[in-house]
Amino acid sequence: MAIMPDLSVDVGGLRLKNPVIAASGTFGYGNELTSFYDPSLLGALVVKGLSLTPMPGNPPPRIVETPCGLLNAIGLANIGIDAFIEEKLPLLPFTSVPVIANIYGHTVQEYSELAGRIEEVEGISAIEVNISCPNVDQGGMVFGMDPALAAMVTDGVVKHTSKPVIVKLTPNAADITAIAKAVESAGAKAISVTNTFLGMSVDIISRRPTLANVVGGLSGPAIKPMALYLTYRAAQAVKIPVIGLGGIMTYQDALEFLLVGARAIHVGTANFINPRAALEIVNGLMDFCEREHISDINHLIGSLIKE
């Protein structure tokens, strides 16, 4: 009898049954796609980004399709941490799949307070820190663009929680390896590489930006080669696990990220096109390992041959 390949991976102390994670902002609060499949079949769920208080986000239009991609300027709209804990978290299958809370703030203090509130909450296994938000104390700078600021936020979160801290990096930094090393030194247990790339779209008839916010974040297949490159660079620069993301639509895409060193992957924009995409990627990885006689998916991680 053939032995089923082992797809389980360890990411910063989190043991996942497989390396496929639903990405923040594309899987709602974790239960919106349950009519399509059981989300506990995935490795983990990252819920929509949470702030201290509810946020309405940017005015519409705030999503526009592009060739091979999607521009969004949602503005981090969410119901706030308290409403999530009271109303959404109890609906999630957190006993059978790790739930990761994605958080963001405008100051180090806000990030730290969010971590403190989450610390005692049953059902949240880890925290993903979004450091692509404006830092109003620094004249609108972005935390994720500066190694020192990135380390400050990471340190603030780490000091207020015993849960694994994953830091989500922006691709718009001058040197992503410098940011990766800074958050690793500050205590991050893993990093997610990478968030959306800055972009825009113009309506040629009205001569106005298509997005009300003018600028948005580009995701989808168009960014995969760049995201793969940044994942490769980050994995070479740090010892902590790297979660790769950016344009992953199929199990073949996922395998590319694993080969360059990612320990796990996030599935994001693909969920909008095909609600079953993440589950199909899990099944595709299993089938690939069976065909190639790979008993443990960890044998593939970082096994890129460069000679």
Protein backbone atom coordinates (compact mmCIF):
# COMPACT_ATOMS: atom_id res chain seq x y z
CA MET A 1 0.00 0.00 0.00
CA ALA A 2 1.34 3.42 -0.98
CA ILE A 3 2.10 5.78 1.92
CA MET A 4 0.39 9.16 1.76
CA PRO A 5 2.90 11.99 1.44
CA ASP A 6 3.34 14.12 4.54
CA LEU A 7 2.39 17.73 3.71
CA SER A 8 2.78 19.08 7.25
CA VAL A 9 5.16 21.96 7.92
CA ASP A 10 6.30 23.97 10.92
CA VAL A 11 6.08 27.75 10.62
CA GLY A 12 7.48 29.63 13.58
CA GLY A 13 6.16 27.10 16.06
CA LEU A 14 2.85 26.57 14.29
CA ARG A 15 2.37 23.02 13.05
CA LEU A 16 0.29 23.12 9.86
CA LYS A 17 -1.25 20.04 8.25
CA ASN A 18 -0.20 21.45 4.88
CA PRO A 19 1.61 24.59 3.69
CA VAL A 20 -1.46 26.30 2.15
CA ILE A 21 -2.76 29.34 4.04
CA ALA A 22 -5.72 31.57 3.15
CA ALA A 23 -4.31 35.09 2.83
CA SER A 24 -5.55 38.05 4.82
CA GLY A 25 -8.12 40.24 3.12
CA THR A 26 -9.13 37.59 0.59
CA PHE A 27 -10.87 35.06 2.83
CA GLY A 28 -13.04 37.45 4.84
CA TYR A 29 -13.21 36.64 8.51
CA GLY A 30 -12.68 32.94 7.82
CA ASN A 31 -16.19 31.56 7.41
CA GLU A 32 -17.48 33.26 4.27
CA LEU A 33 -16.40 30.45 1.92
CA THR A 34 -17.67 27.51 3.99
CA SER A 35 -20.37 26.79 1.40
CA PHE A 36 -17.58 25.85 -1.04
CA TYR A 37 -15.46 23.63 1.24
CA ASP A 38 -14.38 23.03 4.82
CA PRO A 39 -11.65 25.61 5.58
CA SER A 40 -10.16 23.28 8.19
CA LEU A 41 -8.71 21.32 5.24
CA LEU A 42 -6.21 24.16 4.77
CA GLY A 43 -3.00 24.65 6.70
CA ALA A 44 -4.21 27.86 8.36
CA LEU A 45 -6.54 30.84 7.94
CA VAL A 46 -5.44 34.47 8.12
CA VAL A 47 -8.42 36.70 8.79
CA LYS A 48 -9.06 40.14 7.37
CA GLY A 49 -6.82 42.81 8.91
CA LEU A 50 -8.01 44.02 12.30
CA SER A 51 -7.59 47.40 13.97
CA LEU A 52 -8.40 48.62 17.48
CA THR A 53 -11.63 50.28 16.32
CA PRO A 54 -13.88 49.67 13.28
CA MET A 55 -12.67 51.25 10.05
CA PRO A 56 -14.90 52.11 7.05
CA GLY A 57 -12.04 52.03 4.55
CA ASN A 58 -11.69 54.12 1.42
CA PRO A 59 -14.61 55.41 -0.67
CA PRO A 60 -15.50 53.51 -3.86
CA PRO A 61 -14.50 52.70 -6.47
CA ARG A 62 -11.82 50.76 -4.66
CA ILE A 63 -11.27 47.64 -6.79
CA VAL A 64 -10.37 47.47 -10.47
CA GLU A 65 -9.27 44.54 -12.60
CA THR A 66 -6.09 44.82 -14.64
CA PRO A 67 -4.56 42.42 -17.18
CA CYS A 68 -3.46 39.43 -15.08
CA GLY A 69 -4.13 41.21 -11.82
CA LEU A 70 -6.26 43.20 -9.44
CA LEU A 71 -5.79 46.70 -8.04
CA ASN A 72 -7.37 47.34 -4.67
CA ALA A 73 -7.56 50.34 -2.38
CA ILE A 74 -9.92 48.94 0.24
CA GLY A 75 -8.31 51.02 2.97
CA LEU A 76 -8.20 48.21 5.52
CA ALA A 77 -11.94 48.33 6.23
CA ASN A 78 -12.83 46.06 9.16
CA ILE A 79 -15.17 45.60 12.13
CA GLY A 80 -12.46 46.07 14.76
CA ILE A 81 -10.78 43.60 17.10
CA ASP A 82 -13.56 43.47 19.73
CA ALA A 83 -16.36 42.71 17.27
CA PHE A 84 -14.19 40.06 15.60
CA ILE A 85 -13.51 38.28 18.89
CA GLU A 86 -17.17 38.42 19.97
CA GLU A 87 -18.96 37.81 16.66
CA LYS A 88 -16.67 36.12 14.13
CA LEU A 89 -14.11 34.03 15.99
CA PRO A 90 -16.68 31.68 17.61
CA LEU A 91 -17.83 30.68 14.11
CA LEU A 92 -14.37 29.50 13.02
CA PRO A 93 -13.07 25.90 13.21
CA PHE A 94 -10.10 26.97 15.32
CA THR A 95 -9.84 23.60 17.05
CA SER A 96 -8.99 21.93 13.73
CA VAL A 97 -7.10 24.67 11.86
CA PRO A 98 -4.88 27.49 13.19
CA VAL A 99 -6.47 30.94 12.94
CA ILE A 100 -4.00 33.77 12.45
CA ALA A 101 -5.06 37.33 13.28
CA ASN A 102 -3.70 39.97 10.93
CA ILE A 103 -3.31 43.31 12.73
CA TYR A 104 -2.40 46.86 11.80
CA GLY A 105 -2.08 50.18 13.54
CA HIS A 106 -0.93 53.73 13.00
CA THR A 107 1.49 53.75 15.93
CA VAL A 108 3.69 51.24 17.75
CA GLN A 109 1.37 51.61 20.73
CA GLU A 110 -1.65 50.54 18.66
CA TYR A 111 0.12 47.41 17.43
CA SER A 112 1.19 46.58 20.99
CA GLU A 113 -2.32 47.06 22.37
CA LEU A 114 -3.79 44.81 19.70
CA ALA A 115 -1.29 42.10 20.54
CA GLY A 116 -2.13 42.41 24.22
CA ARG A 117 -5.85 42.02 23.56
CA ILE A 118 -5.26 38.94 21.43
CA GLU A 119 -2.89 37.32 23.92
CA GLU A 120 -5.62 35.89 26.16
CA VAL A 121 -8.02 34.97 23.36
CA GLU A 122 -8.63 31.28 22.82
CA GLY A 123 -8.80 30.33 19.17
CA ILE A 124 -6.14 32.67 17.78
CA SER A 125 -2.94 30.72 17.23
CA ALA A 126 -0.64 33.45 15.90
CA ILE A 127 -0.44 37.10 14.94
CA GLU A 128 0.48 38.43 11.49
CA VAL A 129 1.70 42.01 11.69
CA ASN A 130 0.97 44.19 8.66
CA ILE A 131 3.71 46.82 8.53
CA SER A 132 2.54 48.50 5.34
CA CYS A 133 0.38 51.05 7.16
CA PRO A 134 1.10 54.79 7.49
CA ASN A 135 2.93 55.87 10.61
CA VAL A 136 1.31 59.18 11.47
CA ASP A 137 3.96 59.85 14.11
CA GLN A 138 6.60 59.84 11.37
CA GLY A 139 4.96 62.18 8.88
CA GLY A 140 3.14 59.50 6.91
CA MET A 141 6.11 57.17 6.48
CA VAL A 142 5.41 53.48 6.17
CA PHE A 143 6.67 51.19 8.92
CA GLY A 144 7.68 48.52 6.46
CA MET A 145 9.98 50.80 4.49
CA ASP A 146 12.44 51.43 7.32
CA PRO A 147 14.34 48.66 9.17
CA ALA A 148 14.41 50.57 12.45
CA LEU A 149 10.69 51.30 12.42
CA ALA A 150 9.89 47.73 11.34
CA ALA A 151 11.93 46.43 14.27
CA MET A 152 10.17 48.81 16.68
CA VAL A 153 6.73 47.55 15.68
CA THR A 154 7.85 43.92 15.85
CA ASP A 155 9.41 44.40 19.27
CA GLY A 156 6.26 46.09 20.55
CA VAL A 157 4.09 43.18 19.44
CA VAL A 158 6.48 40.47 20.64
CA LYS A 159 6.62 42.01 24.12
CA HIS A 160 2.84 41.81 24.45
CA THR A 161 2.19 38.25 23.31
CA SER A 162 3.48 34.73 23.70
CA LYS A 163 1.88 33.69 20.41
CA PRO A 164 4.08 33.31 17.32
CA VAL A 165 4.53 36.65 15.56
CA ILE A 166 4.65 36.70 11.76
CA VAL A 167 5.55 40.00 10.08
CA LYS A 168 4.13 40.74 6.64
CA LEU A 169 6.60 42.72 4.55
CA THR A 170 6.00 45.24 1.80
CA PRO A 171 7.66 44.79 -1.60
CA ASN A 172 8.03 48.56 -1.88
CA ALA A 173 11.00 48.75 0.50
CA ALA A 174 14.36 49.61 -1.04
CA ASP A 175 15.89 46.38 0.31
CA ILE A 176 13.53 43.71 1.58
CA THR A 177 16.40 41.74 3.10
CA ALA A 178 17.24 44.62 5.44
CA ILE A 179 13.63 44.69 6.67
CA ALA A 180 13.56 40.90 7.00
CA LYS A 181 16.74 40.86 9.09
CA ALA A 182 15.47 43.72 11.27
CA VAL A 183 12.20 41.99 12.21
CA GLU A 184 14.02 38.69 12.73
CA SER A 185 16.37 40.40 15.20
CA ALA A 186 13.35 41.97 16.94
CA GLY A 187 11.81 38.57 17.66
CA ALA A 188 9.59 37.67 14.72
CA LYS A 189 9.09 33.91 14.40
CA ALA A 190 8.36 34.10 10.64
CA ILE A 191 7.84 36.59 7.83
CA SER A 192 5.30 36.79 5.01
CA VAL A 193 6.74 37.91 1.66
CA THR A 194 5.20 39.87 0.09
CA ASN A 195 2.30 42.33 0.17
CA THR A 196 0.87 44.11 -2.90
CA PHE A 197 2.90 46.30 -5.25
CA LEU A 198 1.90 49.93 -5.68
CA GLY A 199 0.04 50.70 -8.92
CA MET A 200 -2.70 52.76 -10.50
CA SER A 201 -5.21 52.80 -13.33
CA VAL A 202 -6.68 55.69 -15.33
CA ASP A 203 -10.07 56.08 -17.04
CA ILE A 204 -9.12 57.66 -20.38
CA ILE A 205 -12.63 59.05 -21.00
CA SER A 206 -13.01 60.92 -17.72
CA ARG A 207 -9.25 61.42 -17.45
CA ARG A 208 -9.52 60.50 -13.80
CA PRO A 209 -7.90 57.75 -11.73
CA THR A 210 -10.05 54.61 -11.77
CA LEU A 211 -9.62 54.22 -8.01
CA ALA A 212 -11.01 56.93 -5.73
CA ASN A 213 -7.81 56.60 -3.70
CA VAL A 214 -5.77 57.13 -6.94
CA VAL A 215 -3.20 54.51 -5.94
CA GLY A 216 -3.86 50.88 -5.05
CA GLY A 217 -2.13 47.60 -4.38
CA LEU A 218 -1.53 45.27 -7.32
CA SER A 219 -1.97 41.53 -6.76
CA GLY A 220 -2.60 38.47 -8.89
CA PRO A 221 -0.57 36.54 -11.50
CA ALA A 222 1.09 39.71 -12.82
CA ILE A 223 3.22 40.05 -9.69
CA LYS A 224 4.26 36.41 -9.25
CA PRO A 225 7.77 36.62 -10.78
CA MET A 226 8.62 39.64 -8.62
CA ALA A 227 7.09 38.12 -5.48
CA LEU A 228 8.96 34.87 -6.13
CA TYR A 229 12.23 36.78 -6.44
CA LEU A 230 11.64 38.66 -3.18
CA THR A 231 10.71 35.43 -1.41
CA TYR A 232 13.95 33.88 -2.66
CA ARG A 233 16.00 36.84 -1.43
CA ALA A 234 14.31 36.90 1.96
CA ALA A 235 14.73 33.16 2.46
CA GLN A 236 18.44 33.54 1.77
CA ALA A 237 18.74 36.42 4.25
CA VAL A 238 17.05 35.04 7.39
CA LYS A 239 16.91 31.84 9.42
CA ILE A 240 13.26 32.14 10.43
CA PRO A 241 10.59 30.60 8.16
CA VAL A 242 9.36 32.55 5.16
CA ILE A 243 5.76 32.38 3.94
CA GLY A 244 5.64 33.17 0.23
CA LEU A 245 2.79 34.94 -1.51
CA GLY A 246 2.00 36.94 -4.58
CA GLY A 247 0.14 35.67 -7.63
CA ILE A 248 -0.15 32.04 -6.51
CA MET A 249 -3.01 30.55 -8.53
CA THR A 250 -2.10 26.86 -8.89
CA TYR A 251 -0.16 24.14 -7.13
CA GLN A 252 2.62 24.65 -9.68
CA ASP A 253 2.93 28.27 -8.51
CA ALA A 254 2.99 27.10 -4.90
CA LEU A 255 5.78 24.64 -5.68
CA GLU A 256 7.94 27.39 -7.15
CA PHE A 257 7.73 29.32 -3.88
CA LEU A 258 8.55 26.22 -1.84
CA LEU A 259 11.54 25.45 -4.04
CA VAL A 260 13.04 28.91 -3.53
CA GLY A 261 12.78 28.54 0.24
CA ALA A 262 9.24 29.37 1.40
CA ARG A 263 8.06 27.09 4.23
CA ALA A 264 4.41 27.80 3.41
CA ILE A 265 2.38 29.91 0.98
CA HIS A 266 -0.59 32.28 1.08
CA VAL A 267 -3.39 32.07 -1.48
CA GLY A 268 -4.99 35.47 -2.00
CA THR A 269 -6.42 36.91 -5.20
CA ALA A 270 -7.03 33.40 -6.53
CA ASN A 271 -9.86 33.10 -3.97
CA PHE A 272 -11.80 35.83 -5.80
CA ILE A 273 -11.52 34.03 -9.12
CA ASN A 274 -12.07 30.51 -7.83
CA PRO A 275 -13.37 30.13 -4.25
CA ARG A 276 -11.97 26.58 -4.16
CA ALA A 277 -8.48 27.63 -5.29
CA ALA A 278 -6.72 27.06 -1.97
CA LEU A 279 -8.18 23.58 -1.54
CA GLU A 280 -7.31 22.69 -5.14
CA ILE A 281 -3.72 23.74 -4.44
CA VAL A 282 -3.61 21.43 -1.40
CA ASN A 283 -4.88 18.55 -3.53
CA GLY A 284 -2.46 19.43 -6.32
CA LEU A 285 0.51 19.35 -3.94
CA MET A 286 -0.58 15.94 -2.65
CA ASP A 287 -0.94 14.55 -6.17
CA PHE A 288 2.44 15.97 -7.22
CA CYS A 289 4.22 14.41 -4.24
CA GLU A 290 2.58 11.06 -4.97
CA ARG A 291 3.58 11.18 -8.65
CA GLU A 292 7.15 12.19 -7.87
CA HIS A 293 7.47 9.74 -4.96
CA ILE A 294 8.14 12.52 -2.46
CA SER A 295 7.28 11.25 1.02
CA ASP A 296 7.65 14.60 2.82
CA ILE A 297 6.98 18.00 1.31
CA ASN A 298 9.76 19.44 3.46
CA HIS A 299 12.21 17.69 1.13
CA LEU A 300 11.18 20.22 -1.54
CA ILE A 301 11.58 23.35 0.57
CA GLY A 302 14.65 25.31 -0.48
CA SER A 303 15.76 22.59 -2.87
CA LEU A 304 16.29 24.91 -5.84
CA ILE A 305 19.20 23.73 -8.01
CA LYS A 306 21.20 26.75 -9.19
CA GLU A 307 24.22 25.10 -10.80
